[in-house]
Each structure stands twice: as structure tokens, then as C-alpha cells.
Amino acid sequence: MLSRLRMEEAMRAERVQVSWDSNKSKWVVRIEAGAEVIRRHMDVPKDADDQTLRSAAQKTVQDEGYEVDLTEIVVHHLT
């Protein structure tokens, strides 16, 4: 059981950010886990609300094999 807990800790994203990538015209999720940084684009409308963006980001994070709580996802809005 202890090794399972360590494995779950190792698979937790430390930081997740969502921002608009104007070059690709898509939202991008930036996942930080230790020294690893993963960037994935999402097919979510440009005018999506925070809840939609956080839910889509959480799914993307899970697809990459990590876990994150919705409240820990930072959304950077368009300016």
C-alpha cells in the first residue's frame, strides 16, 4: 500500500495552467510535474467559461497520466 501511495504522489501534476495560444488559435494546457513540462492544445471555444476550461484541462491532465484538482488549475484569460 505504501508503494501505491508513492506512485500516486509521483503522478500528481504540480502546476497546471490554461492560456490562449494565438498562433494556433486554441487553448493550451501547460502541465508541470517535476522537471517535466507538457503542453497540449484543447479543442475548446475561445469564449469558453472558466468551468469549461478547467474541466477540459483536467481531462487533458488525466489523459497524460497525471492527477490535478480543479481548484488548482490556473486560467489565464485573454486580454
C-alpha atoms as a PDB file:
ATOM      1  CA  MET A   1       0.000   0.000   0.000  1.00  0.00           C
ATOM      2  CA  LEU A   2       2.851   2.401   0.785  1.00  0.00           C
ATOM      3  CA  SER A   3       4.363   1.964  -2.688  1.00  0.00           C
ATOM      4  CA  ARG A   4       0.954   2.705  -4.225  1.00  0.00           C
ATOM      5  CA  LEU A   5       0.770   5.984  -2.305  1.00  0.00           C
ATOM      6  CA  ARG A   6       4.234   6.966  -3.516  1.00  0.00           C
ATOM      7  CA  MET A   7       3.260   6.150  -7.096  1.00  0.00           C
ATOM      8  CA  GLU A   8       0.147   8.321  -6.832  1.00  0.00           C
ATOM      9  CA  GLU A   9       2.207  11.192  -5.446  1.00  0.00           C
ATOM     10  CA  ALA A  10       4.687  10.875  -8.292  1.00  0.00           C
ATOM     11  CA  MET A  11       1.849  11.103 -10.805  1.00  0.00           C
ATOM     12  CA  ARG A  12       0.414  14.329  -9.426  1.00  0.00           C
ATOM     13  CA  ALA A  13       0.808  17.461 -11.543  1.00  0.00           C
ATOM     14  CA  GLU A  14       2.443  20.212  -9.516  1.00  0.00           C
ATOM     15  CA  ARG A  15       1.122  23.067 -11.629  1.00  0.00           C
ATOM     16  CA  VAL A  16      -1.439  23.321 -14.415  1.00  0.00           C
ATOM     17  CA  GLN A  17      -2.096  26.477 -16.428  1.00  0.00           C
ATOM     18  CA  VAL A  18      -4.515  27.176 -19.250  1.00  0.00           C
ATOM     19  CA  SER A  19      -3.897  30.009 -21.692  1.00  0.00           C
ATOM     20  CA  TRP A  20      -4.839  31.064 -25.206  1.00  0.00           C
ATOM     21  CA  ASP A  21      -2.290  30.253 -27.927  1.00  0.00           C
ATOM     22  CA  SER A  22      -2.915  32.940 -30.537  1.00  0.00           C
ATOM     23  CA  ASN A  23      -0.557  31.249 -33.033  1.00  0.00           C
ATOM     24  CA  LYS A  24      -2.690  28.077 -33.066  1.00  0.00           C
ATOM     25  CA  SER A  25      -5.986  29.795 -32.159  1.00  0.00           C
ATOM     26  CA  LYS A  26      -6.536  27.195 -29.441  1.00  0.00           C
ATOM     27  CA  TRP A  27      -6.384  26.924 -25.681  1.00  0.00           C
ATOM     28  CA  VAL A  28      -3.215  25.243 -24.424  1.00  0.00           C
ATOM     29  CA  VAL A  29      -2.696  23.379 -21.159  1.00  0.00           C
ATOM     30  CA  ARG A  30       0.752  23.560 -19.575  1.00  0.00           C
ATOM     31  CA  ILE A  31       1.367  20.704 -17.137  1.00  0.00           C
ATOM     32  CA  GLU A  32       4.355  20.786 -14.787  1.00  0.00           C
ATOM     33  CA  ALA A  33       5.403  17.649 -12.941  1.00  0.00           C
ATOM     34  CA  GLY A  34       8.909  17.815 -11.536  1.00  0.00           C
ATOM     35  CA  ALA A  35      11.314  18.764 -14.320  1.00  0.00           C
ATOM     36  CA  GLU A  36       8.827  17.645 -16.977  1.00  0.00           C
ATOM     37  CA  VAL A  37       6.678  20.224 -18.770  1.00  0.00           C
ATOM     38  CA  ILE A  38       3.948  19.075 -21.145  1.00  0.00           C
ATOM     39  CA  ARG A  39       1.958  21.357 -23.445  1.00  0.00           C
ATOM     40  CA  ARG A  40      -1.272  20.122 -25.044  1.00  0.00           C
ATOM     41  CA  HIS A  41      -3.790  22.055 -27.125  1.00  0.00           C
ATOM     42  CA  MET A  42      -7.516  21.691 -26.462  1.00  0.00           C
ATOM     43  CA  ASP A  43     -10.467  21.992 -28.819  1.00  0.00           C
ATOM     44  CA  VAL A  44     -12.496  24.334 -26.631  1.00  0.00           C
ATOM     45  CA  PRO A  45     -14.208  27.503 -27.920  1.00  0.00           C
ATOM     46  CA  LYS A  46     -12.287  30.744 -27.486  1.00  0.00           C
ATOM     47  CA  ASP A  47     -15.116  32.219 -25.398  1.00  0.00           C
ATOM     48  CA  ALA A  48     -15.390  29.214 -23.031  1.00  0.00           C
ATOM     49  CA  ASP A  49     -16.022  29.968 -19.357  1.00  0.00           C
ATOM     50  CA  ASP A  50     -13.621  29.062 -16.545  1.00  0.00           C
ATOM     51  CA  GLN A  51     -15.504  25.925 -15.534  1.00  0.00           C
ATOM     52  CA  THR A  52     -15.426  24.548 -19.087  1.00  0.00           C
ATOM     53  CA  LEU A  53     -11.711  25.324 -19.409  1.00  0.00           C
ATOM     54  CA  ARG A  54     -10.867  23.743 -16.058  1.00  0.00           C
ATOM     55  CA  SER A  55     -12.870  20.601 -16.847  1.00  0.00           C
ATOM     56  CA  ALA A  56     -11.226  20.233 -20.261  1.00  0.00           C
ATOM     57  CA  ALA A  57      -7.795  20.842 -18.723  1.00  0.00           C
ATOM     58  CA  GLN A  58      -8.432  18.251 -16.018  1.00  0.00           C
ATOM     59  CA  LYS A  59      -9.344  15.683 -18.694  1.00  0.00           C
ATOM     60  CA  THR A  60      -6.182  16.542 -20.643  1.00  0.00           C
ATOM     61  CA  VAL A  61      -4.065  16.166 -17.498  1.00  0.00           C
ATOM     62  CA  GLN A  62      -5.667  12.791 -16.771  1.00  0.00           C
ATOM     63  CA  ASP A  63      -5.088  11.676 -20.375  1.00  0.00           C
ATOM     64  CA  GLU A  64      -1.382  12.361 -19.784  1.00  0.00           C
ATOM     65  CA  GLY A  65      -1.443  10.110 -16.707  1.00  0.00           C
ATOM     66  CA  TYR A  66      -1.441  12.799 -14.024  1.00  0.00           C
ATOM     67  CA  GLU A  67      -3.928  13.967 -11.437  1.00  0.00           C
ATOM     68  CA  VAL A  68      -4.933  17.507 -10.514  1.00  0.00           C
ATOM     69  CA  ASP A  69      -7.771  19.092  -8.580  1.00  0.00           C
ATOM     70  CA  LEU A  70     -10.000  21.530 -10.495  1.00  0.00           C
ATOM     71  CA  THR A  71      -9.294  24.265  -7.956  1.00  0.00           C
ATOM     72  CA  GLU A  72      -5.546  24.048  -8.668  1.00  0.00           C
ATOM     73  CA  ILE A  73      -5.889  24.818 -12.387  1.00  0.00           C
ATOM     74  CA  VAL A  74      -4.963  28.419 -13.213  1.00  0.00           C
ATOM     75  CA  VAL A  75      -6.742  30.026 -16.176  1.00  0.00           C
ATOM     76  CA  HIS A  76      -5.069  32.974 -17.866  1.00  0.00           C
ATOM     77  CA  HIS A  77      -7.758  34.960 -19.661  1.00  0.00           C
ATOM     78  CA  LEU A  78      -7.463  36.707 -22.992  1.00  0.00           C
ATOM     79  CA  THR A  79      -6.546  40.356 -22.753  1.00  0.00           C
END
